[in-house]
Structure formats: C-alpha cells, structure tokens
N, C-alpha and C. Protein backbone atom coordinates (compact mmCIF):
# COMPACT_ATOMS: atom_id res chain seq x y z
N MET A 1 0.84 -1.18 0.00
CA MET A 1 0.00 0.00 0.00
C MET A 1 0.88 1.25 0.00
N ASP A 2 0.56 2.20 -0.84
CA ASP A 2 1.31 3.45 -0.94
C ASP A 2 0.88 4.36 0.21
N THR A 3 1.83 4.77 1.04
CA THR A 3 1.49 5.59 2.21
C THR A 3 1.88 7.06 2.04
N ARG A 4 2.29 7.45 0.83
CA ARG A 4 2.62 8.86 0.61
C ARG A 4 1.37 9.72 0.75
N PRO A 5 1.55 10.98 1.21
CA PRO A 5 0.38 11.89 1.29
C PRO A 5 -0.27 12.06 -0.08
N PHE A 6 -1.57 12.33 -0.05
CA PHE A 6 -2.38 12.40 -1.27
C PHE A 6 -3.00 13.79 -1.39
N CYS A 7 -2.91 14.41 -2.56
CA CYS A 7 -3.51 15.72 -2.81
C CYS A 7 -4.92 15.52 -3.36
N SER A 8 -5.91 15.88 -2.58
CA SER A 8 -7.30 15.66 -3.00
C SER A 8 -7.68 16.41 -4.27
N PRO A 9 -7.38 17.73 -4.38
CA PRO A 9 -7.79 18.44 -5.59
C PRO A 9 -7.14 17.90 -6.87
N CYS A 10 -5.87 17.49 -6.79
CA CYS A 10 -5.14 17.04 -7.99
C CYS A 10 -5.26 15.54 -8.23
N GLN A 11 -5.67 14.80 -7.20
CA GLN A 11 -5.74 13.34 -7.28
C GLN A 11 -4.36 12.74 -7.59
N ARG A 12 -3.32 13.33 -6.97
CA ARG A 12 -1.96 12.85 -7.18
C ARG A 12 -1.28 12.68 -5.83
N ARG A 13 -0.26 11.85 -5.83
CA ARG A 13 0.54 11.63 -4.63
C ARG A 13 1.60 12.71 -4.49
N PHE A 14 1.80 13.17 -3.27
CA PHE A 14 2.89 14.11 -3.00
C PHE A 14 4.22 13.40 -3.21
N ARG A 15 5.26 14.19 -3.48
CA ARG A 15 6.62 13.66 -3.59
C ARG A 15 7.50 14.38 -2.58
N CYS A 16 8.45 13.65 -2.02
CA CYS A 16 9.37 14.26 -1.07
C CYS A 16 10.25 15.24 -1.82
N HIS A 17 10.22 16.49 -1.39
CA HIS A 17 10.97 17.55 -2.05
C HIS A 17 12.28 17.88 -1.33
N LYS A 18 12.27 17.83 0.01
CA LYS A 18 13.46 18.16 0.79
C LYS A 18 13.37 17.51 2.16
N ASN A 19 14.44 16.81 2.54
CA ASN A 19 14.51 16.24 3.88
C ASN A 19 15.05 17.28 4.86
N GLU A 20 14.71 17.12 6.10
CA GLU A 20 15.20 17.95 7.20
C GLU A 20 14.93 19.44 7.01
N VAL A 21 13.66 19.78 7.08
CA VAL A 21 13.28 21.18 7.14
C VAL A 21 12.78 21.47 8.55
N ALA A 22 12.98 22.69 8.98
CA ALA A 22 12.58 23.09 10.33
C ALA A 22 11.38 24.01 10.25
N THR A 23 10.47 23.85 11.19
CA THR A 23 9.33 24.75 11.33
C THR A 23 9.15 25.05 12.81
N ARG A 24 8.55 26.19 13.12
CA ARG A 24 8.36 26.55 14.52
C ARG A 24 7.23 25.73 15.12
N TYR A 25 7.43 25.27 16.34
CA TYR A 25 6.41 24.51 17.07
C TYR A 25 5.59 25.51 17.87
N SER A 26 4.61 26.10 17.20
CA SER A 26 3.80 27.15 17.82
C SER A 26 2.47 27.24 17.10
N ASN A 27 1.42 27.47 17.86
CA ASN A 27 0.11 27.69 17.26
C ASN A 27 -0.19 29.18 17.14
N ASN A 28 0.75 30.01 17.55
CA ASN A 28 0.53 31.45 17.56
C ASN A 28 1.08 32.08 16.29
N ASP A 29 0.30 32.98 15.74
CA ASP A 29 0.76 33.73 14.57
C ASP A 29 1.45 34.98 15.07
N ARG A 30 2.73 34.84 15.43
CA ARG A 30 3.50 35.93 16.00
C ARG A 30 4.95 35.77 15.57
N PRO A 31 5.73 36.82 15.72
CA PRO A 31 7.16 36.70 15.38
C PRO A 31 7.87 35.70 16.30
N ALA A 32 9.00 35.21 15.83
CA ALA A 32 9.80 34.26 16.62
C ALA A 32 10.20 34.88 17.95
N SER A 33 10.22 34.05 18.98
CA SER A 33 10.67 34.51 20.29
C SER A 33 11.68 33.52 20.85
N LEU A 34 12.40 33.93 21.87
CA LEU A 34 13.50 33.14 22.40
C LEU A 34 13.06 31.79 22.94
N GLY A 35 11.81 31.63 23.33
CA GLY A 35 11.33 30.37 23.88
C GLY A 35 10.75 29.40 22.87
N ASP A 36 10.78 29.74 21.58
CA ASP A 36 10.19 28.87 20.55
C ASP A 36 10.95 27.56 20.40
N SER A 37 10.21 26.48 20.21
CA SER A 37 10.79 25.19 19.90
C SER A 37 10.73 24.98 18.39
N ILE A 38 11.58 24.09 17.90
CA ILE A 38 11.67 23.81 16.47
C ILE A 38 11.33 22.34 16.23
N LEU A 39 10.49 22.09 15.23
CA LEU A 39 10.19 20.73 14.79
C LEU A 39 10.91 20.48 13.48
N VAL A 40 11.44 19.30 13.31
CA VAL A 40 12.14 18.94 12.08
C VAL A 40 11.36 17.83 11.38
N GLY A 41 11.10 18.02 10.09
CA GLY A 41 10.38 17.03 9.31
C GLY A 41 10.84 17.07 7.86
N ASP A 42 10.06 16.47 6.99
CA ASP A 42 10.38 16.42 5.56
C ASP A 42 9.34 17.21 4.78
N LEU A 43 9.80 17.99 3.81
CA LEU A 43 8.93 18.79 2.97
C LEU A 43 8.48 17.95 1.77
N TRP A 44 7.17 17.83 1.62
CA TRP A 44 6.59 17.11 0.48
C TRP A 44 5.84 18.12 -0.38
N LYS A 45 5.87 17.88 -1.69
CA LYS A 45 5.25 18.81 -2.63
C LYS A 45 4.38 18.05 -3.63
N CYS A 46 3.22 18.62 -3.93
CA CYS A 46 2.34 18.02 -4.94
C CYS A 46 2.88 18.36 -6.32
N PRO A 47 3.12 17.35 -7.17
CA PRO A 47 3.63 17.64 -8.51
C PRO A 47 2.59 18.31 -9.42
N GLY A 48 1.33 18.28 -8.99
CA GLY A 48 0.27 18.90 -9.79
C GLY A 48 0.09 20.38 -9.50
N CYS A 49 -0.25 20.70 -8.25
CA CYS A 49 -0.57 22.08 -7.90
C CYS A 49 0.55 22.78 -7.14
N GLY A 50 1.56 22.04 -6.68
CA GLY A 50 2.67 22.64 -5.97
C GLY A 50 2.43 22.85 -4.49
N HIS A 51 1.28 22.38 -3.97
CA HIS A 51 1.00 22.53 -2.54
C HIS A 51 2.10 21.83 -1.74
N GLU A 52 2.51 22.44 -0.63
CA GLU A 52 3.57 21.88 0.20
C GLU A 52 3.06 21.54 1.58
N ILE A 53 3.56 20.42 2.12
CA ILE A 53 3.28 20.03 3.50
C ILE A 53 4.58 19.53 4.13
N VAL A 54 4.65 19.65 5.45
CA VAL A 54 5.79 19.11 6.19
C VAL A 54 5.27 17.97 7.05
N VAL A 55 5.86 16.78 6.86
CA VAL A 55 5.43 15.58 7.59
C VAL A 55 6.66 14.80 8.05
N GLY A 56 6.43 13.72 8.78
CA GLY A 56 7.52 12.86 9.23
C GLY A 56 8.34 13.50 10.33
N TRP A 57 7.65 14.03 11.32
CA TRP A 57 8.31 14.77 12.40
C TRP A 57 9.31 13.92 13.17
N ALA A 58 10.33 14.59 13.67
CA ALA A 58 11.26 13.95 14.60
C ALA A 58 10.49 13.60 15.87
N GLN A 59 11.07 12.77 16.71
CA GLN A 59 10.38 12.29 17.89
C GLN A 59 10.02 13.42 18.86
N ARG A 60 10.93 14.38 19.01
CA ARG A 60 10.69 15.49 19.94
C ARG A 60 11.16 16.80 19.30
N PRO A 61 10.52 17.92 19.68
CA PRO A 61 10.99 19.21 19.16
C PRO A 61 12.31 19.61 19.81
N TRP A 62 13.03 20.50 19.13
CA TRP A 62 14.23 21.09 19.71
C TRP A 62 13.77 22.23 20.59
N SER A 63 13.84 22.03 21.87
CA SER A 63 13.36 23.02 22.83
C SER A 63 14.54 23.76 23.45
N PRO A 64 14.47 25.09 23.51
CA PRO A 64 15.55 25.84 24.14
C PRO A 64 15.62 25.57 25.65
N TYR A 65 14.56 25.01 26.22
CA TYR A 65 14.56 24.69 27.65
C TYR A 65 15.27 23.37 27.93
N GLU A 66 15.30 22.48 26.94
CA GLU A 66 16.02 21.21 27.10
C GLU A 66 17.46 21.32 26.62
N TYR A 67 17.68 22.18 25.65
CA TYR A 67 19.02 22.35 25.08
C TYR A 67 19.50 23.77 25.37
N LEU A 68 19.73 24.05 26.63
CA LEU A 68 20.08 25.41 27.06
C LEU A 68 21.30 25.96 26.32
N ARG A 69 22.28 25.11 26.08
CA ARG A 69 23.49 25.54 25.39
C ARG A 69 23.20 26.02 23.98
N ASP A 70 22.14 25.50 23.37
CA ASP A 70 21.81 25.83 21.98
C ASP A 70 20.60 26.75 21.86
N ALA A 71 20.19 27.38 22.96
CA ALA A 71 18.98 28.22 22.94
C ALA A 71 19.09 29.35 21.92
N GLU A 72 20.23 30.01 21.86
CA GLU A 72 20.41 31.11 20.90
C GLU A 72 20.38 30.59 19.47
N ARG A 73 20.95 29.43 19.24
CA ARG A 73 20.96 28.82 17.91
C ARG A 73 19.53 28.45 17.46
N ILE A 74 18.76 27.91 18.39
CA ILE A 74 17.36 27.57 18.10
C ILE A 74 16.58 28.84 17.75
N PHE A 75 16.84 29.92 18.49
CA PHE A 75 16.19 31.21 18.20
C PHE A 75 16.59 31.72 16.82
N GLU A 76 17.85 31.57 16.44
CA GLU A 76 18.31 31.98 15.10
C GLU A 76 17.56 31.21 14.02
N ILE A 77 17.35 29.90 14.24
CA ILE A 77 16.60 29.09 13.27
C ILE A 77 15.15 29.58 13.20
N ALA A 78 14.54 29.86 14.35
CA ALA A 78 13.15 30.36 14.38
C ALA A 78 13.04 31.67 13.61
N LYS A 79 14.01 32.56 13.76
CA LYS A 79 13.99 33.83 13.02
C LYS A 79 14.18 33.59 11.52
N ALA A 80 15.01 32.62 11.15
CA ALA A 80 15.20 32.29 9.73
C ALA A 80 13.91 31.74 9.13
N ILE A 81 13.16 30.98 9.92
CA ILE A 81 11.87 30.46 9.46
C ILE A 81 10.92 31.61 9.16
N ASP A 82 10.86 32.59 10.08
CA ASP A 82 10.01 33.76 9.85
C ASP A 82 10.45 34.54 8.61
N ALA A 83 11.76 34.72 8.47
CA ALA A 83 12.29 35.50 7.35
C ALA A 83 12.03 34.82 6.00
N SER A 84 11.92 33.50 6.01
CA SER A 84 11.70 32.77 4.74
C SER A 84 10.33 33.09 4.14
N GLY A 85 9.36 33.42 4.99
CA GLY A 85 8.00 33.69 4.50
C GLY A 85 7.24 32.44 4.10
N LYS A 86 7.85 31.26 4.27
CA LYS A 86 7.22 30.00 3.86
C LYS A 86 6.74 29.17 5.05
N GLY A 87 7.20 29.51 6.24
CA GLY A 87 6.84 28.73 7.41
C GLY A 87 7.81 27.60 7.71
N TYR A 88 8.83 27.47 6.89
CA TYR A 88 9.86 26.45 7.12
C TYR A 88 11.17 26.94 6.52
N VAL A 89 12.24 26.26 6.89
CA VAL A 89 13.56 26.55 6.33
C VAL A 89 14.35 25.25 6.29
N ALA A 90 15.14 25.05 5.25
CA ALA A 90 15.98 23.85 5.16
C ALA A 90 17.09 23.94 6.20
N LEU A 91 17.26 22.89 6.97
CA LEU A 91 18.27 22.92 8.03
C LEU A 91 19.67 23.09 7.48
N ASP A 92 19.96 22.50 6.33
CA ASP A 92 21.32 22.63 5.80
C ASP A 92 21.66 24.07 5.45
N SER A 93 20.66 24.91 5.22
CA SER A 93 20.93 26.31 4.89
C SER A 93 21.21 27.15 6.13
N VAL A 94 20.71 26.74 7.29
CA VAL A 94 20.94 27.53 8.51
C VAL A 94 21.98 26.91 9.42
N LEU A 95 22.17 25.61 9.36
CA LEU A 95 23.15 24.98 10.24
C LEU A 95 24.57 25.14 9.74
N THR A 96 24.74 25.49 8.48
CA THR A 96 26.09 25.68 7.97
C THR A 96 26.60 27.08 8.28
N ARG A 97 25.70 27.98 8.69
CA ARG A 97 26.10 29.33 9.06
C ARG A 97 26.78 29.31 10.42
N LYS A 98 27.67 30.25 10.63
CA LYS A 98 28.34 30.36 11.93
C LYS A 98 27.35 30.89 12.96
N PRO A 99 27.53 30.51 14.25
CA PRO A 99 26.69 31.09 15.30
C PRO A 99 26.84 32.61 15.31
N LYS A 100 25.81 33.30 15.79
CA LYS A 100 25.77 34.76 15.77
C LYS A 100 27.00 35.40 16.40
N GLU A 101 27.44 34.90 17.55
CA GLU A 101 28.59 35.52 18.21
C GLU A 101 29.86 35.38 17.37
N GLU A 102 30.01 34.29 16.63
CA GLU A 102 31.17 34.13 15.76
C GLU A 102 31.07 35.07 14.56
N ARG A 103 29.86 35.25 14.01
CA ARG A 103 29.68 36.16 12.88
C ARG A 103 29.98 37.59 13.30
N ASP A 104 29.53 37.97 14.50
CA ASP A 104 29.78 39.32 15.00
C ASP A 104 31.27 39.58 15.20
N ALA A 105 31.99 38.58 15.70
CA ALA A 105 33.41 38.73 15.97
C ALA A 105 34.24 38.85 14.70
N THR A 106 33.82 38.13 13.65
CA THR A 106 34.60 38.13 12.41
C THR A 106 34.04 39.09 11.37
N GLY A 107 32.81 39.54 11.58
CA GLY A 107 32.19 40.43 10.62
C GLY A 107 31.62 39.72 9.40
N THR A 108 31.53 38.37 9.44
CA THR A 108 30.99 37.61 8.30
C THR A 108 29.65 37.03 8.63
C-alpha cells in the first residue's frame, strides 16, 4: 500500500521535495521569540498544484529549555523560518552558518 500523502484536488501523490526542514512549534501567529521550539520534518510537494506540507516529524521538538546551550541557535533558526516567509527553512541552509557571536566577531 502506498502511504505517501495524497492531494485531494489534484488526485496525485505528494513527492518528497526536501529532507530535514525546520518549522516553529507554535500555534501562535507571531514573530519568533526566544522560547520557541523547532520541529524537524520532511517537505513534500504536490507535482500537480505545488502545494507543500511538512510531515515525518522527529520524535521530539528542539526546545531551548532542554538544550540550554543551543537556545540562541534555536532562536536563530526560528527567526530564519520567519524570514523565509514560507513557514519552514531547510536545516542545511541555517546549520552551515556560523553562530551569531562568531559572525559578530569576524564580521561575516
């Protein structure tokens, strides 16, 4: 049995477009804040209409309360999600960047 997500309007199966995308774990329509958690999943896209969904969540969100050492990094990812305007961001695009304090020190 095919378990891929199904697009009702197009009558087509979604295809995996990108693995490891991050989205904010929040029901609030507000800017990113320091306490936001991040969920990591896979971006699927309908080949017919282009509709996108994120599915296949990791077991637990990245919480700044559980990962205190990485709280600023998690906040940087949350801000990148907001800046994307899409509601998600590819992890490989934000994790390859230097942490904010290193960028400030080197000017890059």
